[in-house]
Amino acid sequence: MVKNSETLEGEKLYKIKCASCHRLLPPEKYTKEQWKEYVEKYGQRIHLEQEEINKILEYLTTKPNSF
């Protein structure tokens, strides 16, 4: 899979922002819908901007087996 700049930025944000509270989960662990629910919910808790949420979701939901 070729990563675009949004996916790379999302991966970076995921590793920095999400790992500050818990261990990172593999993107294929949840479906696209589940990731959207979790990232929206917890992203608001840690005051992520919508753009950051979108980039993290791009990374998590474009991995193989995440659909």
N, C-alpha and C. Protein backbone atom coordinates (compact mmCIF):
# COMPACT_ATOMS: atom_id res chain seq x y z
N MET A 1 0.84 -1.18 0.00
CA MET A 1 0.00 0.00 0.00
C MET A 1 0.88 1.24 0.00
N VAL A 2 0.57 2.17 -0.86
CA VAL A 2 1.28 3.44 -0.92
C VAL A 2 0.58 4.41 0.02
N LYS A 3 1.36 5.02 0.89
CA LYS A 3 0.79 5.97 1.85
C LYS A 3 0.85 7.38 1.28
N ASN A 4 -0.27 8.09 1.37
CA ASN A 4 -0.26 9.49 0.96
C ASN A 4 0.09 10.35 2.17
N SER A 5 0.21 11.65 1.96
CA SER A 5 0.63 12.53 3.05
C SER A 5 -0.38 12.56 4.20
N GLU A 6 -1.68 12.46 3.88
CA GLU A 6 -2.72 12.43 4.92
C GLU A 6 -2.56 11.17 5.79
N THR A 7 -2.30 10.04 5.15
CA THR A 7 -2.14 8.79 5.88
C THR A 7 -0.90 8.84 6.75
N LEU A 8 0.19 9.37 6.22
CA LEU A 8 1.42 9.48 7.00
C LEU A 8 1.24 10.41 8.20
N GLU A 9 0.58 11.52 7.98
CA GLU A 9 0.32 12.46 9.08
C GLU A 9 -0.61 11.82 10.11
N GLY A 10 -1.60 11.08 9.64
CA GLY A 10 -2.52 10.39 10.54
C GLY A 10 -1.81 9.34 11.38
N GLU A 11 -0.90 8.62 10.77
CA GLU A 11 -0.13 7.61 11.51
C GLU A 11 0.71 8.28 12.60
N LYS A 12 1.34 9.39 12.26
CA LYS A 12 2.15 10.14 13.23
C LYS A 12 1.27 10.64 14.38
N LEU A 13 0.12 11.23 14.05
CA LEU A 13 -0.79 11.72 15.09
C LEU A 13 -1.29 10.59 15.98
N TYR A 14 -1.64 9.47 15.36
CA TYR A 14 -2.12 8.30 16.11
C TYR A 14 -1.06 7.85 17.12
N LYS A 15 0.17 7.77 16.67
CA LYS A 15 1.25 7.29 17.55
C LYS A 15 1.55 8.28 18.67
N ILE A 16 1.45 9.55 18.39
CA ILE A 16 1.75 10.56 19.41
C ILE A 16 0.56 10.81 20.34
N LYS A 17 -0.59 11.11 19.78
CA LYS A 17 -1.75 11.51 20.58
C LYS A 17 -2.39 10.33 21.31
N CYS A 18 -2.61 9.23 20.62
CA CYS A 18 -3.34 8.12 21.22
C CYS A 18 -2.47 7.34 22.20
N ALA A 19 -1.19 7.23 21.90
CA ALA A 19 -0.29 6.49 22.78
C ALA A 19 -0.02 7.24 24.08
N SER A 20 -0.42 8.48 24.15
CA SER A 20 -0.20 9.23 25.39
C SER A 20 -1.12 8.72 26.51
N CYS A 21 -2.21 8.02 26.14
CA CYS A 21 -3.15 7.51 27.15
C CYS A 21 -3.19 5.98 27.24
N HIS A 22 -2.88 5.29 26.16
CA HIS A 22 -3.01 3.83 26.16
C HIS A 22 -2.12 3.21 25.09
N ARG A 23 -2.01 1.90 25.11
CA ARG A 23 -1.22 1.22 24.08
C ARG A 23 -1.95 1.32 22.75
N LEU A 24 -1.19 1.32 21.70
CA LEU A 24 -1.77 1.44 20.37
C LEU A 24 -2.33 0.10 19.90
N LEU A 25 -3.46 0.18 19.27
CA LEU A 25 -4.11 -1.02 18.72
C LEU A 25 -3.85 -1.09 17.22
N PRO A 26 -3.73 -2.28 16.67
CA PRO A 26 -3.53 -2.38 15.23
C PRO A 26 -4.77 -1.89 14.47
N PRO A 27 -4.57 -1.19 13.37
CA PRO A 27 -5.71 -0.66 12.61
C PRO A 27 -6.74 -1.71 12.22
N GLU A 28 -6.30 -2.94 11.96
CA GLU A 28 -7.24 -3.97 11.53
C GLU A 28 -8.08 -4.54 12.67
N LYS A 29 -7.86 -4.09 13.88
CA LYS A 29 -8.61 -4.60 15.03
C LYS A 29 -10.10 -4.22 14.96
N TYR A 30 -10.39 -3.06 14.41
CA TYR A 30 -11.77 -2.59 14.36
C TYR A 30 -12.18 -2.25 12.93
N THR A 31 -13.48 -2.19 12.71
CA THR A 31 -14.01 -1.80 11.41
C THR A 31 -13.90 -0.28 11.26
N LYS A 32 -14.14 0.17 10.06
CA LYS A 32 -14.13 1.61 9.77
C LYS A 32 -15.13 2.34 10.66
N GLU A 33 -16.31 1.78 10.83
CA GLU A 33 -17.36 2.40 11.65
C GLU A 33 -16.96 2.44 13.13
N GLN A 34 -16.36 1.36 13.60
CA GLN A 34 -15.94 1.33 15.00
C GLN A 34 -14.83 2.35 15.26
N TRP A 35 -13.85 2.43 14.36
CA TRP A 35 -12.79 3.42 14.54
C TRP A 35 -13.37 4.83 14.56
N LYS A 36 -14.30 5.09 13.66
CA LYS A 36 -14.90 6.44 13.61
C LYS A 36 -15.54 6.78 14.96
N GLU A 37 -16.30 5.84 15.50
CA GLU A 37 -16.94 6.06 16.80
C GLU A 37 -15.91 6.32 17.90
N TYR A 38 -14.88 5.50 17.96
CA TYR A 38 -13.88 5.62 19.03
C TYR A 38 -13.05 6.89 18.88
N VAL A 39 -12.59 7.17 17.67
CA VAL A 39 -11.72 8.34 17.48
C VAL A 39 -12.50 9.63 17.70
N GLU A 40 -13.74 9.68 17.25
CA GLU A 40 -14.56 10.88 17.49
C GLU A 40 -14.76 11.09 19.00
N LYS A 41 -15.13 10.02 19.69
CA LYS A 41 -15.40 10.12 21.13
C LYS A 41 -14.16 10.52 21.92
N TYR A 42 -13.09 9.78 21.75
CA TYR A 42 -11.90 10.04 22.55
C TYR A 42 -11.10 11.23 22.04
N GLY A 43 -11.21 11.51 20.75
CA GLY A 43 -10.55 12.69 20.21
C GLY A 43 -11.09 13.97 20.82
N GLN A 44 -12.39 14.01 21.05
CA GLN A 44 -12.99 15.17 21.70
C GLN A 44 -12.51 15.30 23.14
N ARG A 45 -12.35 14.17 23.81
CA ARG A 45 -11.89 14.19 25.20
C ARG A 45 -10.51 14.82 25.35
N ILE A 46 -9.66 14.58 24.37
CA ILE A 46 -8.30 15.14 24.46
C ILE A 46 -8.14 16.38 23.58
N HIS A 47 -9.27 16.93 23.16
CA HIS A 47 -9.32 18.19 22.42
C HIS A 47 -8.57 18.17 21.09
N LEU A 48 -8.72 17.08 20.35
CA LEU A 48 -8.17 17.04 19.00
C LEU A 48 -9.00 17.93 18.09
N GLU A 49 -8.35 18.58 17.16
CA GLU A 49 -9.04 19.34 16.13
C GLU A 49 -9.69 18.35 15.17
N GLN A 50 -10.76 18.76 14.49
CA GLN A 50 -11.44 17.87 13.55
C GLN A 50 -10.49 17.41 12.45
N GLU A 51 -9.61 18.27 12.02
CA GLU A 51 -8.63 17.90 11.00
C GLU A 51 -7.71 16.77 11.49
N GLU A 52 -7.31 16.83 12.76
CA GLU A 52 -6.48 15.76 13.32
C GLU A 52 -7.26 14.45 13.39
N ILE A 53 -8.51 14.53 13.80
CA ILE A 53 -9.38 13.34 13.84
C ILE A 53 -9.50 12.73 12.45
N ASN A 54 -9.71 13.56 11.45
CA ASN A 54 -9.85 13.08 10.08
C ASN A 54 -8.58 12.38 9.61
N LYS A 55 -7.44 12.93 9.93
CA LYS A 55 -6.17 12.33 9.51
C LYS A 55 -5.94 10.99 10.21
N ILE A 56 -6.25 10.92 11.49
CA ILE A 56 -6.11 9.66 12.22
C ILE A 56 -7.04 8.61 11.63
N LEU A 57 -8.27 8.99 11.34
CA LEU A 57 -9.21 8.05 10.73
C LEU A 57 -8.75 7.61 9.35
N GLU A 58 -8.18 8.50 8.59
CA GLU A 58 -7.65 8.14 7.27
C GLU A 58 -6.60 7.04 7.43
N TYR A 59 -5.71 7.21 8.37
CA TYR A 59 -4.68 6.19 8.63
C TYR A 59 -5.30 4.87 9.07
N LEU A 60 -6.17 4.92 10.06
CA LEU A 60 -6.72 3.70 10.63
C LEU A 60 -7.64 2.93 9.68
N THR A 61 -8.31 3.63 8.80
CA THR A 61 -9.30 2.96 7.96
C THR A 61 -8.84 2.66 6.54
N THR A 62 -7.62 3.00 6.20
CA THR A 62 -7.11 2.66 4.87
C THR A 62 -6.16 1.48 4.90
N LYS A 63 -5.97 0.91 6.07
CA LYS A 63 -5.14 -0.28 6.20
C LYS A 63 -5.88 -1.50 5.67
N PRO A 64 -5.17 -2.50 5.18
CA PRO A 64 -5.83 -3.73 4.75
C PRO A 64 -6.62 -4.35 5.90
N ASN A 65 -7.75 -4.96 5.58
CA ASN A 65 -8.61 -5.65 6.54
C ASN A 65 -9.35 -4.74 7.51
N SER A 66 -9.35 -3.41 7.28
CA SER A 66 -10.05 -2.53 8.21
C SER A 66 -11.43 -2.14 7.71
N PHE A 67 -11.87 -2.70 6.59
CA PHE A 67 -13.18 -2.35 6.05
C PHE A 67 -14.18 -3.43 6.34
